[in-house]
């Protein structure tokens, strides 16, 4: 049992041990707000350009990605376009919905260099429905 005047030391030790918990660290440092989408699950973005990115070793192949600018704060991010042939349905200046890929600590997944987001919809229409042929992408303009 600690001494009669040990309260200050006990309080200090408790404070240090709390930081060993990952949940406490995330909460205190507000890490969810440090990401480009500011803790939101989904964000809207405008496509700036389409490109292919090589995979990390030992895989070989080209991943289709889009470079896009978030509407809410203007930050540019790279988003992965899933499934074969989907990149054909995305054009520059389209509005896309992006969501986090779910890597550890909000990072990249698998063999993709620094790609932390993926595209789930184009101009408000889900990619899955565009690929199945159920819906067509809305043409903006004329």
N, C-alpha and C. Protein backbone atom coordinates (compact mmCIF):
# COMPACT_ATOMS: atom_id res chain seq x y z
N UNK A 1 0.84 -1.19 0.00
CA UNK A 1 0.00 0.00 0.00
C UNK A 1 0.89 1.25 0.00
N UNK A 2 0.67 2.20 -0.95
CA UNK A 2 1.48 3.41 -1.00
C UNK A 2 1.30 4.27 0.26
N UNK A 3 2.25 5.17 0.46
CA UNK A 3 2.24 6.00 1.66
C UNK A 3 1.12 7.03 1.65
N UNK A 4 1.02 7.76 2.73
CA UNK A 4 -0.05 8.74 2.93
C UNK A 4 0.07 9.92 1.96
N UNK A 5 1.29 10.25 1.52
CA UNK A 5 1.47 11.41 0.64
C UNK A 5 1.86 10.99 -0.78
N UNK A 6 1.42 9.82 -1.20
CA UNK A 6 1.84 9.29 -2.50
C UNK A 6 0.86 9.59 -3.63
N UNK A 7 -0.17 10.37 -3.36
CA UNK A 7 -1.24 10.59 -4.35
C UNK A 7 -0.71 11.20 -5.65
N UNK A 8 0.19 12.20 -5.51
CA UNK A 8 0.69 12.87 -6.70
C UNK A 8 1.43 11.89 -7.61
N UNK A 9 2.28 11.04 -7.03
CA UNK A 9 3.03 10.06 -7.82
C UNK A 9 2.12 9.01 -8.43
N UNK A 10 1.12 8.57 -7.67
CA UNK A 10 0.18 7.57 -8.21
C UNK A 10 -0.58 8.14 -9.40
N UNK A 11 -1.01 9.39 -9.29
CA UNK A 11 -1.76 10.04 -10.37
C UNK A 11 -0.89 10.17 -11.63
N UNK A 12 0.39 10.53 -11.43
CA UNK A 12 1.31 10.69 -12.55
C UNK A 12 1.54 9.35 -13.26
N UNK A 13 1.75 8.29 -12.47
CA UNK A 13 1.96 6.95 -13.05
C UNK A 13 0.74 6.49 -13.83
N UNK A 14 -0.44 6.72 -13.27
CA UNK A 14 -1.67 6.31 -13.94
C UNK A 14 -1.81 7.00 -15.29
N UNK A 15 -1.47 8.29 -15.31
CA UNK A 15 -1.54 9.05 -16.56
C UNK A 15 -0.61 8.50 -17.62
N UNK A 16 0.59 8.07 -17.19
CA UNK A 16 1.54 7.51 -18.15
C UNK A 16 1.06 6.16 -18.67
N UNK A 17 0.52 5.33 -17.81
CA UNK A 17 0.06 4.01 -18.25
C UNK A 17 -1.13 4.09 -19.20
N UNK A 18 -1.95 5.13 -19.06
CA UNK A 18 -3.09 5.29 -19.96
C UNK A 18 -2.65 5.42 -21.40
N UNK A 19 -1.49 6.07 -21.61
CA UNK A 19 -1.01 6.28 -22.97
C UNK A 19 -0.54 4.99 -23.64
N UNK A 20 -0.38 3.92 -22.88
CA UNK A 20 0.01 2.65 -23.50
C UNK A 20 -1.16 2.00 -24.22
N UNK A 21 -2.36 2.48 -23.98
CA UNK A 21 -3.55 1.97 -24.66
C UNK A 21 -3.73 2.68 -26.01
N UNK A 22 -3.89 1.91 -27.09
CA UNK A 22 -4.07 2.49 -28.42
C UNK A 22 -5.33 3.33 -28.51
N UNK A 23 -6.40 2.85 -27.85
CA UNK A 23 -7.66 3.60 -27.89
C UNK A 23 -7.49 4.97 -27.25
N UNK A 24 -6.80 5.02 -26.14
CA UNK A 24 -6.58 6.28 -25.43
C UNK A 24 -5.75 7.23 -26.29
N UNK A 25 -4.70 6.69 -26.96
CA UNK A 25 -3.86 7.52 -27.82
C UNK A 25 -4.67 8.15 -28.95
N UNK A 26 -5.47 7.31 -29.62
CA UNK A 26 -6.29 7.81 -30.73
C UNK A 26 -7.24 8.91 -30.27
N UNK A 27 -7.83 8.68 -29.10
CA UNK A 27 -8.79 9.64 -28.57
C UNK A 27 -8.12 10.96 -28.20
N UNK A 28 -6.99 10.88 -27.51
CA UNK A 28 -6.32 12.09 -27.03
C UNK A 28 -5.68 12.89 -28.17
N UNK A 29 -5.08 12.19 -29.12
CA UNK A 29 -4.42 12.88 -30.23
C UNK A 29 -5.37 13.22 -31.37
N UNK A 30 -6.62 12.75 -31.29
CA UNK A 30 -7.65 12.96 -32.31
C UNK A 30 -7.13 12.54 -33.70
N UNK A 31 -6.62 11.31 -33.77
CA UNK A 31 -5.99 10.84 -35.01
C UNK A 31 -6.98 10.71 -36.16
N UNK A 32 -8.25 10.50 -35.87
CA UNK A 32 -9.23 10.37 -36.95
C UNK A 32 -9.40 11.68 -37.71
N UNK A 33 -9.07 12.80 -37.08
CA UNK A 33 -9.22 14.10 -37.74
C UNK A 33 -7.99 14.46 -38.58
N UNK A 34 -6.92 13.69 -38.47
CA UNK A 34 -5.69 14.00 -39.18
C UNK A 34 -5.67 13.45 -40.61
N UNK A 35 -6.64 12.61 -40.97
CA UNK A 35 -6.67 12.05 -42.32
C UNK A 35 -7.25 13.08 -43.28
N UNK A 36 -7.01 12.95 -44.58
CA UNK A 36 -7.56 13.93 -45.54
C UNK A 36 -9.09 14.03 -45.51
N UNK A 37 -9.78 12.92 -45.21
CA UNK A 37 -11.25 13.00 -45.20
C UNK A 37 -11.79 13.38 -43.83
N UNK A 38 -10.89 13.75 -42.90
CA UNK A 38 -11.24 14.31 -41.60
C UNK A 38 -12.18 13.43 -40.77
N UNK A 39 -11.91 12.13 -40.78
CA UNK A 39 -12.67 11.23 -39.93
C UNK A 39 -13.99 10.77 -40.50
N UNK A 40 -14.39 11.29 -41.65
CA UNK A 40 -15.65 10.88 -42.26
C UNK A 40 -15.47 9.51 -42.93
N UNK A 41 -16.52 8.68 -43.00
CA UNK A 41 -16.38 7.38 -43.65
C UNK A 41 -16.29 7.48 -45.17
N UNK A 42 -16.97 8.46 -45.75
CA UNK A 42 -17.03 8.62 -47.21
C UNK A 42 -16.81 10.09 -47.55
N UNK A 43 -16.21 10.36 -48.72
CA UNK A 43 -16.01 11.74 -49.16
C UNK A 43 -16.23 11.86 -50.66
N UNK A 44 -16.68 13.04 -51.09
CA UNK A 44 -16.85 13.32 -52.51
C UNK A 44 -15.57 13.96 -53.04
N UNK A 45 -15.23 13.62 -54.28
CA UNK A 45 -14.02 14.18 -54.88
C UNK A 45 -14.21 14.35 -56.38
N UNK A 46 -13.42 15.23 -56.96
CA UNK A 46 -13.43 15.43 -58.41
C UNK A 46 -12.18 14.78 -59.00
N UNK A 47 -12.37 14.04 -60.09
CA UNK A 47 -11.26 13.34 -60.72
C UNK A 47 -10.39 14.34 -61.49
N UNK A 48 -9.10 14.32 -61.19
CA UNK A 48 -8.15 15.19 -61.90
C UNK A 48 -7.51 14.45 -63.07
N UNK A 49 -7.08 13.19 -62.82
CA UNK A 49 -6.52 12.39 -63.92
C UNK A 49 -6.56 10.91 -63.57
N UNK A 50 -6.55 10.10 -64.62
CA UNK A 50 -6.51 8.65 -64.47
C UNK A 50 -5.09 8.19 -64.74
N UNK A 51 -4.63 7.21 -63.99
CA UNK A 51 -3.28 6.70 -64.25
C UNK A 51 -3.14 5.26 -63.76
N UNK A 52 -2.04 4.64 -64.15
CA UNK A 52 -1.73 3.29 -63.71
C UNK A 52 -0.52 3.32 -62.79
N UNK A 53 -0.57 2.53 -61.72
CA UNK A 53 0.53 2.50 -60.76
C UNK A 53 1.03 1.07 -60.66
N UNK A 54 2.37 0.91 -60.68
CA UNK A 54 2.94 -0.44 -60.56
C UNK A 54 2.83 -0.94 -59.13
N UNK A 55 2.65 -2.27 -59.00
CA UNK A 55 2.54 -2.87 -57.68
C UNK A 55 3.90 -3.05 -57.05
N UNK A 56 3.87 -3.23 -55.71
CA UNK A 56 5.12 -3.50 -54.99
C UNK A 56 5.56 -4.93 -55.25
N UNK A 57 6.83 -5.20 -55.00
CA UNK A 57 7.34 -6.58 -55.10
C UNK A 57 6.62 -7.47 -54.11
N UNK A 58 6.41 -8.73 -54.31
CA UNK A 58 6.80 -9.54 -55.46
C UNK A 58 5.75 -9.58 -56.57
N UNK A 59 4.71 -8.75 -56.47
CA UNK A 59 3.65 -8.77 -57.48
C UNK A 59 4.05 -7.93 -58.68
N UNK A 60 3.46 -8.27 -59.82
CA UNK A 60 3.67 -7.43 -61.00
C UNK A 60 2.31 -7.17 -61.62
N UNK A 61 2.16 -6.00 -62.14
CA UNK A 61 0.89 -5.62 -62.72
C UNK A 61 0.68 -4.14 -62.51
N UNK A 62 -0.32 -3.62 -63.20
CA UNK A 62 -0.59 -2.20 -63.09
C UNK A 62 -1.96 -2.02 -62.45
N UNK A 63 -1.99 -1.23 -61.39
CA UNK A 63 -3.24 -0.94 -60.68
C UNK A 63 -3.81 0.34 -61.28
N UNK A 64 -5.08 0.32 -61.61
CA UNK A 64 -5.73 1.51 -62.16
C UNK A 64 -6.17 2.40 -61.00
N UNK A 65 -5.71 3.64 -61.02
CA UNK A 65 -6.05 4.58 -59.96
C UNK A 65 -6.46 5.92 -60.56
N UNK A 66 -7.14 6.73 -59.75
CA UNK A 66 -7.47 8.09 -60.16
C UNK A 66 -6.90 9.05 -59.13
N UNK A 67 -6.38 10.16 -59.61
CA UNK A 67 -5.93 11.22 -58.73
C UNK A 67 -7.11 12.17 -58.61
N UNK A 68 -7.57 12.40 -57.39
CA UNK A 68 -8.75 13.24 -57.24
C UNK A 68 -8.59 14.25 -56.11
N UNK A 69 -9.39 15.31 -56.20
CA UNK A 69 -9.33 16.40 -55.23
C UNK A 69 -10.62 16.40 -54.42
N UNK A 70 -10.47 16.35 -53.10
CA UNK A 70 -11.64 16.32 -52.22
C UNK A 70 -12.37 17.66 -52.31
N UNK A 71 -13.70 17.59 -52.35
CA UNK A 71 -14.50 18.80 -52.47
C UNK A 71 -14.50 19.57 -51.15
N UNK A 72 -14.51 18.84 -50.03
CA UNK A 72 -14.66 19.50 -48.73
C UNK A 72 -13.47 20.35 -48.31
N UNK A 73 -12.23 19.98 -48.71
CA UNK A 73 -11.09 20.75 -48.26
C UNK A 73 -9.99 20.94 -49.32
N UNK A 74 -10.20 20.43 -50.53
CA UNK A 74 -9.24 20.66 -51.61
C UNK A 74 -7.98 19.81 -51.58
N UNK A 75 -7.90 18.85 -50.65
CA UNK A 75 -6.72 17.99 -50.57
C UNK A 75 -6.77 16.97 -51.70
N UNK A 76 -5.62 16.71 -52.33
CA UNK A 76 -5.56 15.72 -53.41
C UNK A 76 -5.15 14.37 -52.86
N UNK A 77 -5.90 13.32 -53.27
CA UNK A 77 -5.60 11.95 -52.85
C UNK A 77 -5.63 11.03 -54.06
N UNK A 78 -5.02 9.87 -53.92
CA UNK A 78 -5.05 8.85 -54.97
C UNK A 78 -6.00 7.75 -54.54
N UNK A 79 -6.94 7.40 -55.39
CA UNK A 79 -7.94 6.38 -55.06
C UNK A 79 -7.89 5.24 -56.07
N UNK A 80 -7.97 4.04 -55.56
CA UNK A 80 -7.93 2.80 -56.33
C UNK A 80 -9.29 2.57 -56.99
N UNK A 81 -9.28 2.12 -58.25
CA UNK A 81 -10.53 1.81 -58.95
C UNK A 81 -10.64 0.29 -59.03
N UNK A 82 -11.58 -0.32 -58.28
CA UNK A 82 -11.66 -1.78 -58.24
C UNK A 82 -12.29 -2.39 -59.49
N UNK A 83 -12.04 -3.68 -59.69
CA UNK A 83 -12.60 -4.52 -60.76
C UNK A 83 -12.08 -4.17 -62.15
N UNK A 84 -12.12 -5.15 -63.02
CA UNK A 84 -11.59 -5.01 -64.37
C UNK A 84 -12.52 -4.16 -65.23
N UNK A 85 -11.95 -3.23 -65.97
CA UNK A 85 -12.71 -2.42 -66.91
C UNK A 85 -13.47 -1.26 -66.31
N UNK A 86 -13.37 -1.07 -65.01
CA UNK A 86 -14.12 0.01 -64.37
C UNK A 86 -13.54 1.38 -64.71
N UNK A 87 -12.25 1.44 -64.94
CA UNK A 87 -11.59 2.71 -65.22
C UNK A 87 -12.15 3.37 -66.48
N UNK A 88 -12.71 2.55 -67.40
CA UNK A 88 -13.29 3.09 -68.64
C UNK A 88 -14.52 3.96 -68.37
N UNK A 89 -15.20 3.69 -67.26
CA UNK A 89 -16.43 4.41 -66.95
C UNK A 89 -16.19 5.70 -66.17
N UNK A 90 -14.93 5.98 -65.85
CA UNK A 90 -14.59 7.20 -65.11
C UNK A 90 -13.84 8.14 -66.04
N UNK A 91 -14.29 9.38 -66.10
CA UNK A 91 -13.64 10.39 -66.92
C UNK A 91 -13.11 11.51 -66.03
N UNK A 92 -12.27 12.36 -66.60
CA UNK A 92 -11.79 13.50 -65.84
C UNK A 92 -12.96 14.43 -65.53
N UNK A 93 -12.90 15.09 -64.39
CA UNK A 93 -13.93 16.03 -63.90
C UNK A 93 -15.21 15.33 -63.46
N UNK A 94 -15.23 14.02 -63.37
CA UNK A 94 -16.38 13.31 -62.79
C UNK A 94 -16.33 13.45 -61.28
N UNK A 95 -17.49 13.39 -60.67
CA UNK A 95 -17.57 13.43 -59.22
C UNK A 95 -17.61 11.98 -58.72
N UNK A 96 -16.68 11.61 -57.86
CA UNK A 96 -16.62 10.24 -57.35
C UNK A 96 -16.78 10.23 -55.83
N UNK A 97 -17.29 9.12 -55.33
CA UNK A 97 -17.35 8.90 -53.88
C UNK A 97 -16.19 8.00 -53.52
N UNK A 98 -15.38 8.42 -52.53
CA UNK A 98 -14.27 7.56 -52.12
C UNK A 98 -14.45 7.15 -50.66
N UNK A 99 -13.91 5.98 -50.36
CA UNK A 99 -14.00 5.42 -49.02
C UNK A 99 -12.63 4.84 -48.68
N UNK A 100 -12.29 4.77 -47.41
CA UNK A 100 -11.00 4.23 -46.99
C UNK A 100 -10.88 2.75 -47.31
N UNK A 101 -9.66 2.30 -47.62
CA UNK A 101 -9.45 0.89 -47.96
C UNK A 101 -9.45 -0.01 -46.72
N UNK A 102 -9.12 0.54 -45.57
CA UNK A 102 -9.18 -0.27 -44.35
C UNK A 102 -7.89 -0.94 -43.96
N UNK A 103 -6.75 -0.39 -44.39
CA UNK A 103 -5.46 -0.93 -43.96
C UNK A 103 -5.18 -0.56 -42.51
N UNK A 104 -4.17 -1.18 -41.93
CA UNK A 104 -3.88 -0.90 -40.53
C UNK A 104 -3.46 0.56 -40.36
N UNK A 105 -3.96 1.19 -39.34
CA UNK A 105 -3.71 2.59 -39.03
C UNK A 105 -4.06 3.51 -40.20
N UNK A 106 -5.07 3.14 -40.98
CA UNK A 106 -5.51 3.97 -42.09
C UNK A 106 -4.56 3.98 -43.26
N UNK A 107 -3.65 2.99 -43.33
CA UNK A 107 -2.64 2.96 -44.38
C UNK A 107 -3.04 2.16 -45.59
N UNK A 108 -2.07 1.90 -46.45
CA UNK A 108 -2.29 1.18 -47.70
C UNK A 108 -2.50 -0.31 -47.43
N UNK A 109 -3.07 -1.01 -48.42
CA UNK A 109 -3.36 -2.44 -48.30
C UNK A 109 -2.55 -3.21 -49.33
N UNK A 110 -1.97 -4.32 -48.90
CA UNK A 110 -1.32 -5.25 -49.82
C UNK A 110 -0.20 -4.65 -50.63
N UNK A 111 -0.28 -4.85 -51.95
CA UNK A 111 0.84 -4.48 -52.82
C UNK A 111 0.68 -3.09 -53.44
N UNK A 112 -0.21 -2.28 -52.88
CA UNK A 112 -0.43 -0.95 -53.46
C UNK A 112 0.34 0.11 -52.68
N UNK A 113 1.22 0.84 -53.38
CA UNK A 113 2.04 1.89 -52.76
C UNK A 113 1.19 3.08 -52.35
N UNK A 114 1.06 3.35 -51.08
CA UNK A 114 0.46 4.60 -50.61
C UNK A 114 -0.94 4.90 -51.08
N UNK A 115 -1.68 3.90 -51.51
CA UNK A 115 -3.06 4.13 -51.95
C UNK A 115 -3.97 3.73 -50.80
N UNK A 116 -4.67 4.72 -50.24
CA UNK A 116 -5.44 4.49 -49.02
C UNK A 116 -6.94 4.54 -49.22
N UNK A 117 -7.38 4.89 -50.43
CA UNK A 117 -8.81 5.05 -50.69
C UNK A 117 -9.22 4.28 -51.94
N UNK A 118 -10.53 3.98 -52.04
CA UNK A 118 -11.04 3.36 -53.26
C UNK A 118 -12.33 4.05 -53.69
N UNK A 119 -12.59 4.00 -54.98
CA UNK A 119 -13.78 4.62 -55.57
C UNK A 119 -14.95 3.66 -55.43
N UNK A 120 -16.11 4.17 -54.98
CA UNK A 120 -17.29 3.30 -54.88
C UNK A 120 -18.44 3.76 -55.76
N UNK A 121 -18.43 5.03 -56.20
CA UNK A 121 -19.51 5.52 -57.04
C UNK A 121 -19.00 6.64 -57.95
N UNK A 122 -19.64 6.77 -59.11
CA UNK A 122 -19.30 7.82 -60.07
C UNK A 122 -20.57 8.61 -60.36
N UNK A 123 -20.50 9.92 -60.18
CA UNK A 123 -21.66 10.80 -60.37
C UNK A 123 -22.90 10.30 -59.64
N UNK A 124 -22.71 9.76 -58.45
CA UNK A 124 -23.83 9.31 -57.62
C UNK A 124 -24.34 7.92 -57.93
N UNK A 125 -23.77 7.23 -58.89
CA UNK A 125 -24.23 5.88 -59.25
C UNK A 125 -23.16 4.87 -58.85
N UNK A 126 -23.52 3.83 -58.07
CA UNK A 126 -22.52 2.85 -57.63
C UNK A 126 -21.84 2.15 -58.80
N UNK A 127 -20.54 1.87 -58.65
CA UNK A 127 -19.78 1.19 -59.70
C UNK A 127 -20.34 -0.20 -60.00
N UNK A 128 -20.84 -0.88 -58.97
CA UNK A 128 -21.37 -2.23 -59.18
C UNK A 128 -22.54 -2.22 -60.16
N UNK A 129 -23.41 -1.21 -60.07
CA UNK A 129 -24.56 -1.14 -60.98
C UNK A 129 -24.14 -0.73 -62.38
N UNK A 130 -23.12 0.12 -62.49
CA UNK A 130 -22.62 0.51 -63.81
C UNK A 130 -22.02 -0.71 -64.51
N UNK A 131 -21.26 -1.53 -63.76
CA UNK A 131 -20.62 -2.71 -64.36
C UNK A 131 -21.62 -3.78 -64.76
N UNK A 132 -22.69 -3.95 -63.97
CA UNK A 132 -23.72 -4.94 -64.30
C UNK A 132 -24.57 -4.51 -65.48
N UNK A 133 -24.53 -3.20 -65.80
CA UNK A 133 -25.33 -2.68 -66.90
C UNK A 133 -26.72 -2.27 -66.48
N UNK A 134 -26.97 -2.23 -65.19
CA UNK A 134 -28.31 -1.85 -64.70
C UNK A 134 -28.54 -0.35 -64.87
N UNK A 135 -27.50 0.44 -64.65
CA UNK A 135 -27.62 1.88 -64.76
C UNK A 135 -26.47 2.43 -65.58
N UNK A 136 -26.71 3.59 -66.22
CA UNK A 136 -25.64 4.26 -66.94
C UNK A 136 -25.20 5.48 -66.17
N UNK A 137 -23.96 5.83 -66.35
CA UNK A 137 -23.42 7.02 -65.68
C UNK A 137 -24.08 8.26 -66.27
N UNK A 138 -24.46 9.19 -65.40
CA UNK A 138 -25.10 10.42 -65.85
C UNK A 138 -24.07 11.28 -66.55
N UNK A 139 -24.40 11.73 -67.76
CA UNK A 139 -23.50 12.60 -68.50
C UNK A 139 -23.75 14.03 -68.06
N UNK A 140 -22.71 14.69 -67.53
CA UNK A 140 -22.84 16.08 -67.09
C UNK A 140 -22.66 17.00 -68.30
N UNK A 141 -23.35 18.12 -68.31
CA UNK A 141 -23.15 19.10 -69.38
C UNK A 141 -24.24 18.99 -70.44
N UNK A 142 -23.91 18.50 -71.64
CA UNK A 142 -24.90 18.51 -72.68
C UNK A 142 -24.69 17.40 -73.57
